[in-house]
Amino acid sequence: MDHIVTVQEAVTAFEPWMEPTAAELDAIDLEMPLIASEVELLDAQIMTLDRPVSELDERRIRRARRRVLAARRELANRAAAVSTSGVGA
């Protein structure tokens, strides 16, 4: 008979000293608009899985895609601004 046991390291993988750093939390905060817009797009797509897509659904998905693209553009522009400001320093 095989015994099923848990691996202690896997169960306690997140010790208090393994918390995210302030820089990691700042990076997550910076990407939050993109994450939220991607969730909104996913929600709009999920709503259409089990029914025919209406004109309203098409508009909702199109708006959500535009928000994702705008959030990605904003994030890319911030990254570019940060990288170019560091070049001259």
PDB file of N, CA and C in Angstrom:
ATOM      1  N   MET A   1       0.846  -1.181   0.000  1.00  0.00           N
ATOM      2  CA  MET A   1       0.000   0.000   0.000  1.00  0.00           C
ATOM      3  C   MET A   1       0.890   1.242   0.000  1.00  0.00           C
ATOM      4  N   ASP A   2       0.593   2.192  -0.887  1.00  0.00           N
ATOM      5  CA  ASP A   2       1.342   3.438  -0.960  1.00  0.00           C
ATOM      6  C   ASP A   2       0.695   4.469  -0.055  1.00  0.00           C
ATOM      7  N   HIS A   3       1.524   5.165   0.686  1.00  0.00           N
ATOM      8  CA  HIS A   3       1.032   6.207   1.572  1.00  0.00           C
ATOM      9  C   HIS A   3       1.118   7.548   0.860  1.00  0.00           C
ATOM     10  N   ILE A   4       0.116   8.345   1.038  1.00  0.00           N
ATOM     11  CA  ILE A   4       0.102   9.688   0.464  1.00  0.00           C
ATOM     12  C   ILE A   4       0.480  10.654   1.575  1.00  0.00           C
ATOM     13  N   VAL A   5       1.561  11.378   1.361  1.00  0.00           N
ATOM     14  CA  VAL A   5       1.999  12.354   2.348  1.00  0.00           C
ATOM     15  C   VAL A   5       2.228  13.686   1.643  1.00  0.00           C
ATOM     16  N   THR A   6       2.157  14.749   2.405  1.00  0.00           N
ATOM     17  CA  THR A   6       2.435  16.062   1.843  1.00  0.00           C
ATOM     18  C   THR A   6       3.910  16.369   1.986  1.00  0.00           C
ATOM     19  N   VAL A   7       4.400  17.164   1.095  1.00  0.00           N
ATOM     20  CA  VAL A   7       5.774  17.622   1.163  1.00  0.00           C
ATOM     21  C   VAL A   7       5.772  18.902   1.990  1.00  0.00           C
ATOM     22  N   GLN A   8       6.487  18.911   3.060  1.00  0.00           N
ATOM     23  CA  GLN A   8       6.446  20.040   3.991  1.00  0.00           C
ATOM     24  C   GLN A   8       6.866  21.343   3.322  1.00  0.00           C
ATOM     25  N   GLU A   9       7.854  21.304   2.446  1.00  0.00           N
ATOM     26  CA  GLU A   9       8.294  22.537   1.796  1.00  0.00           C
ATOM     27  C   GLU A   9       7.198  23.113   0.921  1.00  0.00           C
ATOM     28  N   ALA A  10       6.458  22.274   0.219  1.00  0.00           N
ATOM     29  CA  ALA A  10       5.390  22.765  -0.649  1.00  0.00           C
ATOM     30  C   ALA A  10       4.260  23.367   0.168  1.00  0.00           C
ATOM     31  N   VAL A  11       3.986  22.807   1.319  1.00  0.00           N
ATOM     32  CA  VAL A  11       2.893  23.316   2.145  1.00  0.00           C
ATOM     33  C   VAL A  11       3.272  24.649   2.779  1.00  0.00           C
ATOM     34  N   THR A  12       4.504  24.798   3.176  1.00  0.00           N
ATOM     35  CA  THR A  12       4.948  26.029   3.840  1.00  0.00           C
ATOM     36  C   THR A  12       5.893  26.823   2.948  1.00  0.00           C
ATOM     37  N   ALA A  13       5.560  26.886   1.662  1.00  0.00           N
ATOM     38  CA  ALA A  13       6.456  27.551   0.711  1.00  0.00           C
ATOM     39  C   ALA A  13       6.528  29.060   0.935  1.00  0.00           C
ATOM     40  N   PHE A  14       5.491  29.660   1.488  1.00  0.00           N
ATOM     41  CA  PHE A  14       5.482  31.099   1.638  1.00  0.00           C
ATOM     42  C   PHE A  14       5.670  31.478   3.099  1.00  0.00           C
ATOM     43  N   GLU A  15       6.880  31.457   3.508  1.00  0.00           N
ATOM     44  CA  GLU A  15       7.243  31.875   4.852  1.00  0.00           C
ATOM     45  C   GLU A  15       7.171  33.403   4.931  1.00  0.00           C
ATOM     46  N   PRO A  16       7.068  33.956   6.115  1.00  0.00           N
ATOM     47  CA  PRO A  16       6.981  35.426   6.242  1.00  0.00           C
ATOM     48  C   PRO A  16       8.157  36.159   5.608  1.00  0.00           C
ATOM     49  N   TRP A  17       9.318  35.571   5.597  1.00  0.00           N
ATOM     50  CA  TRP A  17      10.474  36.254   5.013  1.00  0.00           C
ATOM     51  C   TRP A  17      10.466  36.181   3.493  1.00  0.00           C
ATOM     52  N   MET A  18       9.504  35.481   2.907  1.00  0.00           N
ATOM     53  CA  MET A  18       9.412  35.358   1.449  1.00  0.00           C
ATOM     54  C   MET A  18       8.349  36.290   0.870  1.00  0.00           C
ATOM     55  N   GLU A  19       7.945  37.295   1.614  1.00  0.00           N
ATOM     56  CA  GLU A  19       6.937  38.247   1.136  1.00  0.00           C
ATOM     57  C   GLU A  19       7.507  39.048  -0.034  1.00  0.00           C
ATOM     58  N   PRO A  20       6.629  39.586  -0.884  1.00  0.00           N
ATOM     59  CA  PRO A  20       7.121  40.415  -1.999  1.00  0.00           C
ATOM     60  C   PRO A  20       7.805  41.675  -1.480  1.00  0.00           C
ATOM     61  N   THR A  21       8.792  42.097  -2.210  1.00  0.00           N
ATOM     62  CA  THR A  21       9.510  43.308  -1.831  1.00  0.00           C
ATOM     63  C   THR A  21       8.690  44.532  -2.217  1.00  0.00           C
ATOM     64  N   ALA A  22       9.113  45.675  -1.735  1.00  0.00           N
ATOM     65  CA  ALA A  22       8.423  46.919  -2.079  1.00  0.00           C
ATOM     66  C   ALA A  22       8.503  47.183  -3.583  1.00  0.00           C
ATOM     67  N   ALA A  23       9.628  46.855  -4.195  1.00  0.00           N
ATOM     68  CA  ALA A  23       9.778  47.055  -5.638  1.00  0.00           C
ATOM     69  C   ALA A  23       8.818  46.152  -6.418  1.00  0.00           C
ATOM     70  N   GLU A  24       8.650  44.912  -5.960  1.00  0.00           N
ATOM     71  CA  GLU A  24       7.722  43.996  -6.626  1.00  0.00           C
ATOM     72  C   GLU A  24       6.281  44.484  -6.486  1.00  0.00           C
ATOM     73  N   LEU A  25       5.932  44.977  -5.317  1.00  0.00           N
ATOM     74  CA  LEU A  25       4.580  45.517  -5.112  1.00  0.00           C
ATOM     75  C   LEU A  25       4.357  46.766  -5.959  1.00  0.00           C
ATOM     76  N   ASP A  26       5.384  47.603  -6.095  1.00  0.00           N
ATOM     77  CA  ASP A  26       5.273  48.787  -6.950  1.00  0.00           C
ATOM     78  C   ASP A  26       5.073  48.387  -8.407  1.00  0.00           C
ATOM     79  N   ALA A  27       5.767  47.341  -8.853  1.00  0.00           N
ATOM     80  CA  ALA A  27       5.614  46.862 -10.232  1.00  0.00           C
ATOM     81  C   ALA A  27       4.199  46.335 -10.469  1.00  0.00           C
ATOM     82  N   ILE A  28       3.652  45.644  -9.487  1.00  0.00           N
ATOM     83  CA  ILE A  28       2.277  45.147  -9.605  1.00  0.00           C
ATOM     84  C   ILE A  28       1.305  46.325  -9.674  1.00  0.00           C
ATOM     85  N   ASP A  29       1.506  47.326  -8.826  1.00  0.00           N
ATOM     86  CA  ASP A  29       0.644  48.513  -8.849  1.00  0.00           C
ATOM     87  C   ASP A  29       0.723  49.229 -10.193  1.00  0.00           C
ATOM     88  N   LEU A  30       1.906  49.272 -10.776  1.00  0.00           N
ATOM     89  CA  LEU A  30       2.091  49.914 -12.066  1.00  0.00           C
ATOM     90  C   LEU A  30       1.338  49.166 -13.166  1.00  0.00           C
ATOM     91  N   GLU A  31       1.281  47.845 -13.073  1.00  0.00           N
ATOM     92  CA  GLU A  31       0.625  47.025 -14.091  1.00  0.00           C
ATOM     93  C   GLU A  31      -0.864  46.798 -13.798  1.00  0.00           C
ATOM     94  N   MET A  32      -1.376  47.288 -12.697  1.00  0.00           N
ATOM     95  CA  MET A  32      -2.758  47.029 -12.315  1.00  0.00           C
ATOM     96  C   MET A  32      -3.787  47.494 -13.346  1.00  0.00           C
ATOM     97  N   PRO A  33      -3.648  48.651 -13.987  1.00  0.00           N
ATOM     98  CA  PRO A  33      -4.630  49.023 -15.019  1.00  0.00           C
ATOM     99  C   PRO A  33      -4.675  48.013 -16.173  1.00  0.00           C
ATOM    100  N   LEU A  34      -3.526  47.500 -16.567  1.00  0.00           N
ATOM    101  CA  LEU A  34      -3.495  46.484 -17.617  1.00  0.00           C
ATOM    102  C   LEU A  34      -4.154  45.199 -17.153  1.00  0.00           C
ATOM    103  N   ILE A  35      -3.855  44.783 -15.946  1.00  0.00           N
ATOM    104  CA  ILE A  35      -4.453  43.559 -15.403  1.00  0.00           C
ATOM    105  C   ILE A  35      -5.973  43.700 -15.340  1.00  0.00           C
ATOM    106  N   ALA A  36      -6.449  44.833 -14.860  1.00  0.00           N
ATOM    107  CA  ALA A  36      -7.893  45.053 -14.743  1.00  0.00           C
ATOM    108  C   ALA A  36      -8.563  45.062 -16.110  1.00  0.00           C
ATOM    109  N   SER A  37      -7.931  45.678 -17.096  1.00  0.00           N
ATOM    110  CA  SER A  37      -8.537  45.715 -18.428  1.00  0.00           C
ATOM    111  C   SER A  37      -8.528  44.333 -19.081  1.00  0.00           C
ATOM    112  N   GLU A  38      -7.500  43.533 -18.820  1.00  0.00           N
ATOM    113  CA  GLU A  38      -7.476  42.172 -19.351  1.00  0.00           C
ATOM    114  C   GLU A  38      -8.560  41.306 -18.699  1.00  0.00           C
ATOM    115  N   VAL A  39      -8.806  41.514 -17.419  1.00  0.00           N
ATOM    116  CA  VAL A  39      -9.882  40.791 -16.737  1.00  0.00           C
ATOM    117  C   VAL A  39     -11.234  41.196 -17.317  1.00  0.00           C
ATOM    118  N   GLU A  40     -11.405  42.471 -17.591  1.00  0.00           N
ATOM    119  CA  GLU A  40     -12.650  42.954 -18.189  1.00  0.00           C
ATOM    120  C   GLU A  40     -12.874  42.333 -19.567  1.00  0.00           C
ATOM    121  N   LEU A  41     -11.814  42.243 -20.369  1.00  0.00           N
ATOM    122  CA  LEU A  41     -11.918  41.601 -21.680  1.00  0.00           C
ATOM    123  C   LEU A  41     -12.284  40.128 -21.535  1.00  0.00           C
ATOM    124  N   LEU A  42     -11.643  39.464 -20.623  1.00  0.00           N
ATOM    125  CA  LEU A  42     -11.935  38.054 -20.395  1.00  0.00           C
ATOM    126  C   LEU A  42     -13.387  37.856 -19.954  1.00  0.00           C
ATOM    127  N   ASP A  43     -13.874  38.724 -19.085  1.00  0.00           N
ATOM    128  CA  ASP A  43     -15.272  38.650 -18.647  1.00  0.00           C
ATOM    129  C   ASP A  43     -16.222  38.822 -19.836  1.00  0.00           C
ATOM    130  N   ALA A  44     -15.919  39.774 -20.702  1.00  0.00           N
ATOM    131  CA  ALA A  44     -16.767  40.009 -21.870  1.00  0.00           C
ATOM    132  C   ALA A  44     -16.749  38.799 -22.803  1.00  0.00           C
ATOM    133  N   GLN A  45     -15.598  38.165 -22.953  1.00  0.00           N
ATOM    134  CA  GLN A  45     -15.509  36.993 -23.815  1.00  0.00           C
ATOM    135  C   GLN A  45     -16.215  35.791 -23.195  1.00  0.00           C
ATOM    136  N   ILE A  46     -16.109  35.639 -21.891  1.00  0.00           N
ATOM    137  CA  ILE A  46     -16.760  34.517 -21.208  1.00  0.00           C
ATOM    138  C   ILE A  46     -18.275  34.620 -21.324  1.00  0.00           C
ATOM    139  N   MET A  47     -18.813  35.841 -21.275  1.00  0.00           N
ATOM    140  CA  MET A  47     -20.260  36.022 -21.368  1.00  0.00           C
ATOM    141  C   MET A  47     -20.824  35.500 -22.687  1.00  0.00           C
ATOM    142  N   THR A  48     -19.996  35.450 -23.716  1.00  0.00           N
ATOM    143  CA  THR A  48     -20.487  35.044 -25.033  1.00  0.00           C
ATOM    144  C   THR A  48     -20.216  33.579 -25.347  1.00  0.00           C
ATOM    145  N   LEU A  49     -19.702  32.820 -24.405  1.00  0.00           N
ATOM    146  CA  LEU A  49     -19.354  31.431 -24.687  1.00  0.00           C
ATOM    147  C   LEU A  49     -20.568  30.542 -24.937  1.00  0.00           C
ATOM    148  N   ASP A  50     -21.636  30.754 -24.222  1.00  0.00           N
ATOM    149  CA  ASP A  50     -22.760  29.825 -24.309  1.00  0.00           C
ATOM    150  C   ASP A  50     -23.996  30.416 -24.987  1.00  0.00           C
ATOM    151  N   ARG A  51     -23.812  31.486 -25.728  1.00  0.00           N
ATOM    152  CA  ARG A  51     -24.940  32.082 -26.441  1.00  0.00           C
ATOM    153  C   ARG A  51     -24.431  32.790 -27.686  1.00  0.00           C
ATOM    154  N   PRO A  52     -25.311  33.035 -28.612  1.00  0.00           N
ATOM    155  CA  PRO A  52     -24.891  33.777 -29.814  1.00  0.00           C
ATOM    156  C   PRO A  52     -24.448  35.194 -29.436  1.00  0.00           C
ATOM    157  N   VAL A  53     -23.494  35.684 -30.153  1.00  0.00           N
ATOM    158  CA  VAL A  53     -22.948  37.011 -29.875  1.00  0.00           C
ATOM    159  C   VAL A  53     -23.883  38.065 -30.461  1.00  0.00           C
ATOM    160  N   SER A  54     -24.348  38.953 -29.617  1.00  0.00           N
ATOM    161  CA  SER A  54     -25.218  40.037 -30.072  1.00  0.00           C
ATOM    162  C   SER A  54     -24.365  41.252 -30.453  1.00  0.00           C
ATOM    163  N   GLU A  55     -25.027  42.245 -31.002  1.00  0.00           N
ATOM    164  CA  GLU A  55     -24.312  43.472 -31.357  1.00  0.00           C
ATOM    165  C   GLU A  55     -23.757  44.156 -30.108  1.00  0.00           C
ATOM    166  N   LEU A  56     -24.518  44.105 -29.025  1.00  0.00           N
ATOM    167  CA  LEU A  56     -24.060  44.677 -27.759  1.00  0.00           C
ATOM    168  C   LEU A  56     -22.811  43.943 -27.254  1.00  0.00           C
ATOM    169  N   ASP A  57     -22.810  42.627 -27.379  1.00  0.00           N
ATOM    170  CA  ASP A  57     -21.639  41.843 -26.967  1.00  0.00           C
ATOM    171  C   ASP A  57     -20.412  42.219 -27.798  1.00  0.00           C
ATOM    172  N   GLU A  58     -20.612  42.382 -29.098  1.00  0.00           N
ATOM    173  CA  GLU A  58     -19.502  42.765 -29.978  1.00  0.00           C
ATOM    174  C   GLU A  58     -18.919  44.108 -29.564  1.00  0.00           C
ATOM    175  N   ARG A  59     -19.799  45.063 -29.245  1.00  0.00           N
ATOM    176  CA  ARG A  59     -19.316  46.376 -28.809  1.00  0.00           C
ATOM    177  C   ARG A  59     -18.592  46.291 -27.478  1.00  0.00           C
ATOM    178  N   ARG A  60     -19.126  45.479 -26.567  1.00  0.00           N
ATOM    179  CA  ARG A  60     -18.497  45.318 -25.250  1.00  0.00           C
ATOM    180  C   ARG A  60     -17.089  44.725 -25.405  1.00  0.00           C
ATOM    181  N   ILE A  61     -16.952  43.712 -26.247  1.00  0.00           N
ATOM    182  CA  ILE A  61     -15.645  43.086 -26.465  1.00  0.00           C
ATOM    183  C   ILE A  61     -14.701  44.062 -27.161  1.00  0.00           C
ATOM    184  N   ARG A  62     -15.211  44.793 -28.148  1.00  0.00           N
ATOM    185  CA  ARG A  62     -14.375  45.761 -28.860  1.00  0.00           C
ATOM    186  C   ARG A  62     -13.868  46.851 -27.911  1.00  0.00           C
ATOM    187  N   ARG A  63     -14.753  47.355 -27.039  1.00  0.00           N
ATOM    188  CA  ARG A  63     -14.328  48.374 -26.061  1.00  0.00           C
ATOM    189  C   ARG A  63     -13.301  47.811 -25.091  1.00  0.00           C
ATOM    190  N   ALA A  64     -13.516  46.579 -24.661  1.00  0.00           N
ATOM    191  CA  ALA A  64     -12.572  45.950 -23.731  1.00  0.00           C
ATOM    192  C   ALA A  64     -11.212  45.766 -24.401  1.00  0.00           C
ATOM    193  N   ARG A  65     -11.203  45.367 -25.665  1.00  0.00           N
ATOM    194  CA  ARG A  65      -9.924  45.220 -26.389  1.00  0.00           C
ATOM    195  C   ARG A  65      -9.210  46.561 -26.502  1.00  0.00           C
ATOM    196  N   ARG A  66      -9.973  47.611 -26.772  1.00  0.00           N
ATOM    197  CA  ARG A  66      -9.358  48.948 -26.869  1.00  0.00           C
ATOM    198  C   ARG A  66      -8.755  49.380 -25.530  1.00  0.00           C
ATOM    199  N   ARG A  67      -9.452  49.050 -24.438  1.00  0.00           N
ATOM    200  CA  ARG A  67      -8.907  49.393 -23.117  1.00  0.00           C
ATOM    201  C   ARG A  67      -7.619  48.625 -22.834  1.00  0.00           C
ATOM    202  N   VAL A  68      -7.568  47.359 -23.247  1.00  0.00           N
ATOM    203  CA  VAL A  68      -6.346  46.573 -23.067  1.00  0.00           C
ATOM    204  C   VAL A  68      -5.211  47.201 -23.869  1.00  0.00           C
ATOM    205  N   LEU A  69      -5.487  47.536 -25.114  1.00  0.00           N
ATOM    206  CA  LEU A  69      -4.446  48.146 -25.949  1.00  0.00           C
ATOM    207  C   LEU A  69      -3.994  49.487 -25.381  1.00  0.00           C
ATOM    208  N   ALA A  70      -4.925  50.287 -24.882  1.00  0.00           N
ATOM    209  CA  ALA A  70      -4.565  51.581 -24.295  1.00  0.00           C
ATOM    210  C   ALA A  70      -3.716  51.384 -23.037  1.00  0.00           C
ATOM    211  N   ALA A  71      -4.068  50.402 -22.226  1.00  0.00           N
ATOM    212  CA  ALA A  71      -3.288  50.138 -21.008  1.00  0.00           C
ATOM    213  C   ALA A  71      -1.890  49.630 -21.372  1.00  0.00           C
ATOM    214  N   ARG A  72      -1.809  48.772 -22.378  1.00  0.00           N
ATOM    215  CA  ARG A  72      -0.486  48.296 -22.820  1.00  0.00           C
ATOM    216  C   ARG A  72       0.355  49.440 -23.367  1.00  0.00           C
ATOM    217  N   ARG A  73      -0.284  50.321 -24.148  1.00  0.00           N
ATOM    218  CA  ARG A  73       0.445  51.463 -24.702  1.00  0.00           C
ATOM    219  C   ARG A  73       0.972  52.353 -23.577  1.00  0.00           C
ATOM    220  N   GLU A  74       0.113  52.627 -22.595  1.00  0.00           N
ATOM    221  CA  GLU A  74       0.511  53.468 -21.466  1.00  0.00           C
ATOM    222  C   GLU A  74       1.677  52.845 -20.693  1.00  0.00           C
ATOM    223  N   LEU A  75       1.592  51.556 -20.467  1.00  0.00           N
ATOM    224  CA  LEU A  75       2.657  50.857 -19.748  1.00  0.00           C
ATOM    225  C   LEU A  75       3.959  50.869 -20.546  1.00  0.00           C
ATOM    226  N   ALA A  76       3.854  50.656 -21.858  1.00  0.00           N
ATOM    227  CA  ALA A  76       5.051  50.677 -22.710  1.00  0.00           C
ATOM    228  C   ALA A  76       5.663  52.076 -22.752  1.00  0.00           C
ATOM    229  N   ASN A  77       4.818  53.100 -22.804  1.00  0.00           N
ATOM    230  CA  ASN A  77       5.330  54.476 -22.820  1.00  0.00           C
ATOM    231  C   ASN A  77       6.028  54.821 -21.515  1.00  0.00           C
ATOM    232  N   ARG A  78       5.483  54.346 -20.399  1.00  0.00           N
ATOM    233  CA  ARG A  78       6.148  54.575 -19.110  1.00  0.00           C
ATOM    234  C   ARG A  78       7.501  53.881 -19.060  1.00  0.00           C
ATOM    235  N   ALA A  79       7.539  52.649 -19.553  1.00  0.00           N
ATOM    236  CA  ALA A  79       8.801  51.905 -19.550  1.00  0.00           C
ATOM    237  C   ALA A  79       9.823  52.580 -20.456  1.00  0.00           C
ATOM    238  N   ALA A  80       9.370  53.086 -21.592  1.00  0.00           N
ATOM    239  CA  ALA A  80      10.272  53.772 -22.509  1.00  0.00           C
ATOM    240  C   ALA A  80      10.780  55.069 -21.899  1.00  0.00           C
ATOM    241  N   ALA A  81       9.896  55.784 -21.209  1.00  0.00           N
ATOM    242  CA  ALA A  81      10.300  57.044 -20.571  1.00  0.00           C
ATOM    243  C   ALA A  81      11.308  56.791 -19.476  1.00  0.00           C
ATOM    244  N   VAL A  82      11.122  55.720 -18.722  1.00  0.00           N
ATOM    245  CA  VAL A  82      12.047  55.389 -17.647  1.00  0.00           C
ATOM    246  C   VAL A  82      13.391  54.971 -18.224  1.00  0.00           C
ATOM    247  N   SER A  83      13.376  54.169 -19.293  1.00  0.00           N
ATOM    248  CA  SER A  83      14.637  53.693 -19.868  1.00  0.00           C
ATOM    249  C   SER A  83      15.393  54.825 -20.567  1.00  0.00           C
ATOM    250  N   THR A  84      14.700  55.768 -21.187  1.00  0.00           N
ATOM    251  CA  THR A  84      15.400  56.870 -21.843  1.00  0.00           C
ATOM    252  C   THR A  84      15.906  57.891 -20.826  1.00  0.00           C
ATOM    253  N   SER A  85      15.212  58.034 -19.702  1.00  0.00           N
ATOM    254  CA  SER A  85      15.689  58.976 -18.692  1.00  0.00           C
ATOM    255  C   SER A  85      16.932  58.424 -17.995  1.00  0.00           C
ATOM    256  N   GLY A  86      17.086  57.122 -17.968  1.00  0.00           N
ATOM    257  CA  GLY A  86      18.246  56.511 -17.345  1.00  0.00           C
ATOM    258  C   GLY A  86      19.469  56.492 -18.249  1.00  0.00           C
ATOM    259  N   VAL A  87      19.276  56.700 -19.558  1.00  0.00           N
ATOM    260  CA  VAL A  87      20.392  56.647 -20.496  1.00  0.00           C
ATOM    261  C   VAL A  87      21.307  57.847 -20.334  1.00  0.00           C
ATOM    262  N   GLY A  88      20.753  59.017 -20.161  1.00  0.00           N
ATOM    263  CA  GLY A  88      21.550  60.232 -20.061  1.00  0.00           C
ATOM    264  C   GLY A  88      22.172  60.460 -18.697  1.00  0.00           C
ATOM    265  N   ALA A  89      21.797  59.677 -17.730  1.00  0.00           N
ATOM    266  CA  ALA A  89      22.289  59.903 -16.372  1.00  0.00           C
ATOM    267  C   ALA A  89      23.705  59.447 -16.175  1.00  0.00           C
TER     268      ALA A  89
END
